[in-house]
Amino acid sequence: MNKNSKIYIAGHRGMVGSAVWRALEARGYSNLIGKTSSELDLRNQQSVKDFMNTERPDLIIDAAARVGGILANNENPYPFLMENLQIQNNLIDAAHKTDVKKFIFLGSSCIYPKYAPQPLKEEYLLTDSLEPTNEWYAIAKIAGVKACQAIRKQYGKDFVSLMPTNLYGPNDNFDLQSSHVLPAMLRKFHEAKENENTAVELWGSGTPMREFLHVDDMAQAVLFAVENVLPEYLYNVGTGTDVTIKELAETIQGIVGHKGEIIWDSSKPDGTPRKLMDSSRLQNLGWKPAFDLKSGIENTYNWFKAHQENYKKIKM
């Protein structure tokens, strides 16, 4: 890719897509394309075909997806499976048929089996059963990884998949019905602090361990993939360190300044016991994360406070 290459970022207004856009702009890429869902419905195959035939991008970065936490996945299995399949399949197939030079597919660590050995290596894909609370989303993302791998294998095209660990940062979703654990906690602690430090109730036991990556670090990984031909079809993207959910809650509580009680509702599901990723495959090629967890949460909390009236919400 050169700085004038035409680059289409699917999902450019989402947390990941907007971070990727910022990173590419900062690097000097000047020919970026973004379409809102009202301008281009990625679930509509014909619309995607027409768009691709008209625009003919050199590179596609697929950051578009229907996403959410345990609650959203559990209560809406069909759209989490079908809409994600539609979005990615339409983009991947149209990219192949219009001879797009490079395709970067973004997924999630939930593609790996629930009880896979830790840390998670790329070769653990499809070796055991998935976490039931988000298997619908995971199955869709696995299909996307395999579609890109198949095109790479059969046609020799530069289609690559990046699987990030749990992401957070500016433009995250803070809607309590559909958000992931870190932004949900941030909002809960903030609102409890504003409400005279009332108690905060959190799901599960607090014992599961999770790894978190700031979205700007993810954007740098995408930029690395844009500017290099990666030899493998699949790469994990993470920090290599994890914390318990209880430790995460206490870190957020301290950053927010909440002084009240934390109540753990053990009747609610914990999800996968641990999801630490082995990101050495990508890191050995030269990419490294810049944010530690505390500074990343501080950055995100400052963004949250500045944008409280503009929470990103997902319609169910």
Protein backbone atom coordinates (compact mmCIF):
# COMPACT_ATOMS: atom_id res chain seq x y z
CA MET A 1 0.00 0.00 0.00
CA ASN A 2 1.10 3.57 -0.66
CA LYS A 3 -0.26 6.72 0.98
CA ASN A 4 -2.68 7.29 -1.93
CA SER A 5 -4.06 3.73 -1.97
CA LYS A 6 -7.85 3.63 -1.71
CA ILE A 7 -8.70 2.09 1.67
CA TYR A 8 -12.24 1.20 2.70
CA ILE A 9 -12.80 0.85 6.45
CA ALA A 10 -16.04 -1.03 7.11
CA GLY A 11 -17.46 0.08 10.44
CA HIS A 12 -15.46 3.32 10.44
CA ARG A 13 -17.64 4.95 13.10
CA GLY A 14 -17.31 2.12 15.62
CA MET A 15 -14.72 1.94 18.35
CA VAL A 16 -12.23 -0.11 16.31
CA GLY A 17 -12.96 1.40 12.91
CA SER A 18 -12.65 4.98 14.16
CA ALA A 19 -9.35 4.15 15.89
CA VAL A 20 -8.04 2.58 12.67
CA TRP A 21 -9.14 5.66 10.71
CA ARG A 22 -7.26 7.94 13.14
CA ALA A 23 -4.13 5.78 12.94
CA LEU A 24 -4.12 5.70 9.13
CA GLU A 25 -4.71 9.45 8.87
CA ALA A 26 -1.91 10.13 11.33
CA ARG A 27 0.36 7.95 9.19
CA GLY A 28 -0.44 10.02 6.09
CA TYR A 29 -2.96 7.83 4.27
CA SER A 30 -5.20 10.28 2.44
CA ASN A 31 -7.66 8.18 0.42
CA LEU A 32 -9.88 6.65 3.12
CA ILE A 33 -13.48 5.60 2.48
CA GLY A 34 -16.19 5.18 5.10
CA LYS A 35 -19.92 4.57 4.76
CA THR A 36 -22.53 4.73 7.48
CA SER A 37 -25.04 1.89 7.80
CA SER A 38 -27.71 4.14 6.30
CA GLU A 39 -25.48 4.81 3.29
CA LEU A 40 -24.47 1.17 2.84
CA ASP A 41 -26.21 -1.79 4.47
CA LEU A 42 -23.46 -4.40 4.66
CA ARG A 43 -26.08 -7.10 5.28
CA ASN A 44 -27.39 -6.53 1.74
CA GLN A 45 -25.34 -8.54 -0.74
CA GLN A 46 -26.34 -6.55 -3.83
CA SER A 47 -25.63 -3.23 -2.15
CA VAL A 48 -22.14 -4.40 -1.20
CA LYS A 49 -21.50 -5.69 -4.74
CA ASP A 50 -22.60 -2.37 -6.26
CA PHE A 51 -20.43 -0.41 -3.84
CA MET A 52 -17.36 -2.54 -4.54
CA ASN A 53 -17.82 -2.36 -8.32
CA THR A 54 -18.08 1.43 -8.11
CA GLU A 55 -15.33 2.22 -5.59
CA ARG A 56 -12.78 -0.54 -6.36
CA PRO A 57 -10.72 -0.13 -3.16
CA ASP A 58 -7.15 -1.42 -2.98
CA LEU A 59 -7.56 -2.51 0.65
CA ILE A 60 -10.51 -3.38 2.88
CA ILE A 61 -10.34 -3.36 6.67
CA ASP A 62 -13.39 -5.16 8.05
CA ALA A 63 -14.12 -3.63 11.45
CA ALA A 64 -17.89 -3.91 10.98
CA ALA A 65 -19.82 -6.27 13.24
CA ARG A 66 -22.75 -6.61 15.55
CA VAL A 67 -21.11 -6.77 18.97
CA GLY A 68 -22.08 -6.95 22.63
CA GLY A 69 -21.40 -8.56 25.98
CA ILE A 70 -22.73 -11.74 27.60
CA LEU A 71 -26.27 -10.38 28.05
CA ALA A 72 -26.63 -9.16 24.48
CA ASN A 73 -25.18 -12.36 22.98
CA ASN A 74 -27.25 -14.64 25.17
CA GLU A 75 -30.56 -12.92 24.48
CA ASN A 76 -30.06 -12.29 20.75
CA PRO A 77 -28.37 -15.40 19.33
CA TYR A 78 -29.88 -15.24 15.83
CA PRO A 79 -28.87 -11.68 14.87
CA PHE A 80 -25.43 -12.15 16.41
CA LEU A 81 -24.94 -15.19 14.17
CA MET A 82 -26.76 -14.18 11.00
CA GLU A 83 -25.96 -10.46 10.75
CA ASN A 84 -22.26 -11.04 11.32
CA LEU A 85 -22.22 -13.79 8.71
CA GLN A 86 -23.99 -11.52 6.23
CA ILE A 87 -21.68 -8.56 6.84
CA GLN A 88 -18.40 -10.42 6.56
CA ASN A 89 -19.40 -12.83 3.79
CA ASN A 90 -20.67 -10.01 1.59
CA LEU A 91 -17.46 -8.05 2.08
CA ILE A 92 -15.07 -10.99 1.67
CA ASP A 93 -16.79 -12.36 -1.44
CA ALA A 94 -17.11 -8.95 -3.11
CA ALA A 95 -13.48 -8.19 -2.31
CA HIS A 96 -12.40 -11.45 -3.92
CA LYS A 97 -14.55 -10.92 -7.01
CA THR A 98 -13.37 -7.33 -7.55
CA ASP A 99 -9.72 -8.34 -7.03
CA VAL A 100 -9.06 -6.29 -3.91
CA LYS A 101 -5.31 -6.47 -3.24
CA LYS A 102 -5.47 -6.83 0.54
CA PHE A 103 -8.19 -7.69 3.08
CA ILE A 104 -7.81 -7.42 6.86
CA PHE A 105 -10.51 -9.24 8.81
CA LEU A 106 -10.98 -8.37 12.48
CA GLY A 107 -12.48 -10.84 14.91
CA SER A 108 -12.33 -11.71 18.59
CA SER A 109 -10.62 -14.02 21.06
CA CYS A 110 -13.99 -15.73 21.59
CA ILE A 111 -13.28 -17.84 18.49
CA TYR A 112 -11.15 -20.12 20.69
CA PRO A 113 -12.53 -23.05 22.72
CA LYS A 114 -13.84 -22.33 26.22
CA TYR A 115 -11.35 -24.64 27.92
CA ALA A 116 -8.39 -24.27 25.58
CA PRO A 117 -4.92 -24.27 27.18
CA GLN A 118 -3.67 -20.86 28.29
CA PRO A 119 -2.35 -18.69 26.79
CA LEU A 120 -4.43 -19.12 23.64
CA LYS A 121 -2.43 -19.93 20.54
CA GLU A 122 -3.68 -19.56 16.98
CA GLU A 123 -3.46 -23.32 16.42
CA TYR A 124 -6.09 -23.96 19.13
CA LEU A 125 -8.83 -22.81 16.75
CA LEU A 126 -11.52 -25.50 16.31
CA THR A 127 -9.96 -27.95 18.76
CA ASP A 128 -12.88 -28.01 21.25
CA SER A 129 -16.31 -26.54 22.09
CA LEU A 130 -16.98 -22.80 22.45
CA GLU A 131 -18.26 -20.69 25.35
CA PRO A 132 -22.09 -21.11 25.13
CA THR A 133 -22.92 -17.49 26.02
CA ASN A 134 -21.25 -16.08 22.90
CA GLU A 135 -20.95 -19.04 20.55
CA TRP A 136 -23.25 -17.40 17.98
CA TYR A 137 -20.89 -14.47 17.45
CA ALA A 138 -17.87 -16.78 17.67
CA ILE A 139 -19.16 -19.14 14.98
CA ALA A 140 -19.70 -16.21 12.62
CA LYS A 141 -16.17 -14.93 13.23
CA ILE A 142 -14.68 -18.39 12.77
CA ALA A 143 -16.42 -18.58 9.39
CA GLY A 144 -14.82 -15.24 8.44
CA VAL A 145 -11.36 -16.44 9.45
CA LYS A 146 -11.82 -19.61 7.42
CA ALA A 147 -13.16 -17.73 4.38
CA CYS A 148 -10.07 -15.51 4.35
CA GLN A 149 -7.83 -18.54 4.85
CA ALA A 150 -9.54 -20.35 1.95
CA ILE A 151 -9.04 -17.40 -0.42
CA ARG A 152 -5.43 -17.12 0.70
CA LYS A 153 -4.87 -20.85 0.15
CA GLN A 154 -6.69 -21.21 -3.16
CA TYR A 155 -5.91 -17.89 -4.83
CA GLY A 156 -2.77 -16.68 -3.06
CA LYS A 157 -4.33 -13.37 -2.07
CA ASP A 158 -3.18 -11.27 0.88
CA PHE A 159 -6.20 -11.87 3.11
CA VAL A 160 -5.29 -11.93 6.82
CA SER A 161 -7.24 -12.16 10.10
CA LEU A 162 -6.41 -10.33 13.32
CA MET A 163 -8.03 -11.60 16.53
CA PRO A 164 -7.87 -9.04 19.35
CA THR A 165 -8.39 -9.74 22.99
CA ASN A 166 -11.02 -7.68 24.87
CA LEU A 167 -10.87 -4.15 23.47
CA TYR A 168 -11.79 -0.87 25.14
CA GLY A 169 -11.21 2.83 24.60
CA PRO A 170 -12.72 5.95 23.00
CA ASN A 171 -16.01 5.38 21.15
CA ASP A 172 -16.74 2.22 23.15
CA ASN A 173 -20.33 1.15 23.83
CA PHE A 174 -21.43 2.18 27.32
CA ASP A 175 -25.03 0.98 27.05
CA LEU A 176 -25.55 -1.31 30.04
CA GLN A 177 -27.78 -3.74 28.10
CA SER A 178 -25.27 -4.45 25.35
CA SER A 179 -21.79 -3.37 26.45
CA HIS A 180 -18.75 -5.41 27.38
CA VAL A 181 -17.46 -5.72 30.92
CA LEU A 182 -14.94 -2.85 31.09
CA PRO A 183 -17.12 -0.03 29.70
CA ALA A 184 -20.10 -1.32 31.67
CA MET A 185 -18.07 -1.15 34.88
CA LEU A 186 -16.78 2.31 34.04
CA ARG A 187 -20.29 3.64 33.63
CA LYS A 188 -21.63 1.84 36.72
CA PHE A 189 -18.89 3.16 39.00
CA HIS A 190 -19.16 6.66 37.58
CA GLU A 191 -22.93 6.83 38.05
CA ALA A 192 -22.69 5.32 41.54
CA LYS A 193 -20.08 7.94 42.48
CA GLU A 194 -22.35 10.70 41.15
CA ASN A 195 -25.20 9.19 43.21
CA GLU A 196 -23.47 9.64 46.58
CA ASN A 197 -21.25 6.54 46.22
CA THR A 198 -24.05 4.00 46.21
CA ALA A 199 -23.14 0.30 46.00
CA VAL A 200 -22.23 -1.19 42.60
CA GLU A 201 -23.60 -4.61 41.72
CA LEU A 202 -21.51 -6.68 39.30
CA TRP A 203 -22.17 -9.99 37.56
CA GLY A 204 -20.58 -13.28 38.58
CA SER A 205 -17.95 -14.15 41.14
CA GLY A 206 -15.16 -11.81 40.05
CA THR A 207 -12.75 -14.75 39.65
CA PRO A 208 -12.55 -15.14 35.83
CA MET A 209 -9.42 -13.67 34.28
CA ARG A 210 -9.44 -11.37 31.29
CA GLU A 211 -6.91 -9.60 29.11
CA PHE A 212 -7.64 -6.06 27.87
CA LEU A 213 -6.15 -4.10 24.97
CA HIS A 214 -6.61 -0.39 24.31
CA VAL A 215 -8.22 0.19 20.93
CA ASP A 216 -5.42 2.53 19.81
CA ASP A 217 -2.98 -0.36 20.27
CA MET A 218 -5.28 -2.50 18.13
CA ALA A 219 -5.29 0.22 15.49
CA GLN A 220 -1.49 0.13 15.44
CA ALA A 221 -1.65 -3.64 14.89
CA VAL A 222 -3.95 -3.05 11.91
CA LEU A 223 -1.56 -0.40 10.60
CA PHE A 224 1.27 -2.93 10.95
CA ALA A 225 -0.76 -5.42 8.90
CA VAL A 226 -1.47 -2.74 6.28
CA GLU A 227 2.21 -1.99 5.80
CA ASN A 228 3.57 -5.53 5.92
CA VAL A 229 2.84 -8.80 4.14
CA LEU A 230 2.20 -11.16 7.03
CA PRO A 231 3.27 -14.78 6.43
CA GLU A 232 0.43 -16.49 8.34
CA TYR A 233 -3.36 -16.27 7.89
CA LEU A 234 -4.23 -15.66 11.56
CA TYR A 235 -2.73 -13.51 14.31
CA ASN A 236 -3.69 -12.90 17.93
CA VAL A 237 -3.49 -9.30 19.14
CA GLY A 238 -3.10 -8.78 22.88
CA THR A 239 -0.89 -7.62 25.72
CA GLY A 240 0.11 -11.02 27.12
CA THR A 241 -1.08 -10.14 30.64
CA ASP A 242 -4.46 -10.57 32.32
CA VAL A 243 -6.27 -9.65 35.55
CA THR A 244 -9.22 -11.06 37.46
CA ILE A 245 -12.56 -9.33 36.98
CA LYS A 246 -12.34 -8.40 40.66
CA GLU A 247 -8.96 -6.72 40.08
CA LEU A 248 -10.40 -4.93 37.06
CA ALA A 249 -13.33 -3.65 39.13
CA GLU A 250 -11.04 -2.38 41.89
CA THR A 251 -8.77 -0.66 39.35
CA ILE A 252 -11.74 1.09 37.71
CA GLN A 253 -13.20 1.97 41.10
CA GLY A 254 -9.93 3.66 42.07
CA ILE A 255 -9.62 5.59 38.80
CA VAL A 256 -13.24 6.79 38.98
CA GLY A 257 -12.95 7.64 42.69
CA HIS A 258 -15.98 5.62 43.81
CA LYS A 259 -16.02 5.02 47.58
CA GLY A 260 -18.99 2.67 47.91
CA GLU A 261 -19.42 -1.10 48.19
CA ILE A 262 -19.01 -3.67 45.41
CA ILE A 263 -21.63 -6.46 45.46
CA TRP A 264 -21.00 -9.60 43.39
CA ASP A 265 -24.10 -11.38 42.06
CA SER A 266 -22.91 -14.98 41.81
CA SER A 267 -26.25 -16.07 40.32
CA LYS A 268 -25.17 -14.44 37.06
CA PRO A 269 -22.82 -16.23 34.62
CA ASP A 270 -19.07 -15.75 34.69
CA GLY A 271 -18.44 -16.78 31.10
CA THR A 272 -15.14 -18.39 30.11
CA PRO A 273 -12.87 -18.85 33.18
CA ARG A 274 -9.80 -17.41 31.46
CA LYS A 275 -8.92 -15.92 28.08
CA LEU A 276 -5.26 -14.96 27.89
CA MET A 277 -3.89 -14.79 24.37
CA ASP A 278 -0.46 -15.70 23.10
CA SER A 279 0.32 -12.78 20.79
CA SER A 280 3.95 -13.72 20.21
CA ARG A 281 3.35 -14.54 16.54
CA LEU A 282 2.58 -10.88 15.76
CA GLN A 283 4.87 -9.37 18.38
CA ASN A 284 7.83 -11.33 17.02
CA LEU A 285 7.27 -9.58 13.69
CA GLY A 286 7.55 -6.14 15.30
CA TRP A 287 4.20 -4.95 16.72
CA LYS A 288 4.02 -4.10 20.44
CA PRO A 289 1.22 -2.55 22.57
CA ALA A 290 1.90 0.87 24.15
CA PHE A 291 -0.81 1.21 26.86
CA ASP A 292 -0.72 -0.50 30.24
CA LEU A 293 -4.17 -1.21 31.73
CA LYS A 294 -4.23 1.68 34.22
CA SER A 295 -3.23 4.38 31.73
CA GLY A 296 -5.59 2.91 29.14
CA ILE A 297 -8.55 3.02 31.54
CA GLU A 298 -7.67 6.58 32.57
CA ASN A 299 -7.64 7.58 28.90
CA THR A 300 -11.01 5.90 28.34
CA TYR A 301 -12.59 7.41 31.46
CA ASN A 302 -11.57 10.90 30.36
CA TRP A 303 -13.19 10.26 26.97
CA PHE A 304 -16.31 8.88 28.67
CA LYS A 305 -16.73 11.96 30.86
CA ALA A 306 -16.42 14.21 27.81
CA HIS A 307 -19.01 12.26 25.79
CA GLN A 308 -21.65 11.16 28.30
CA GLU A 309 -24.52 12.45 26.19
CA ASN A 310 -23.43 10.48 23.15
CA TYR A 311 -23.28 6.86 24.31
CA LYS A 312 -23.12 4.44 21.45
CA LYS A 313 -26.16 2.15 21.73
CA ILE A 314 -27.07 -0.99 19.86
CA LYS A 315 -30.69 -1.50 18.85
CA MET A 316 -31.98 -4.91 19.82
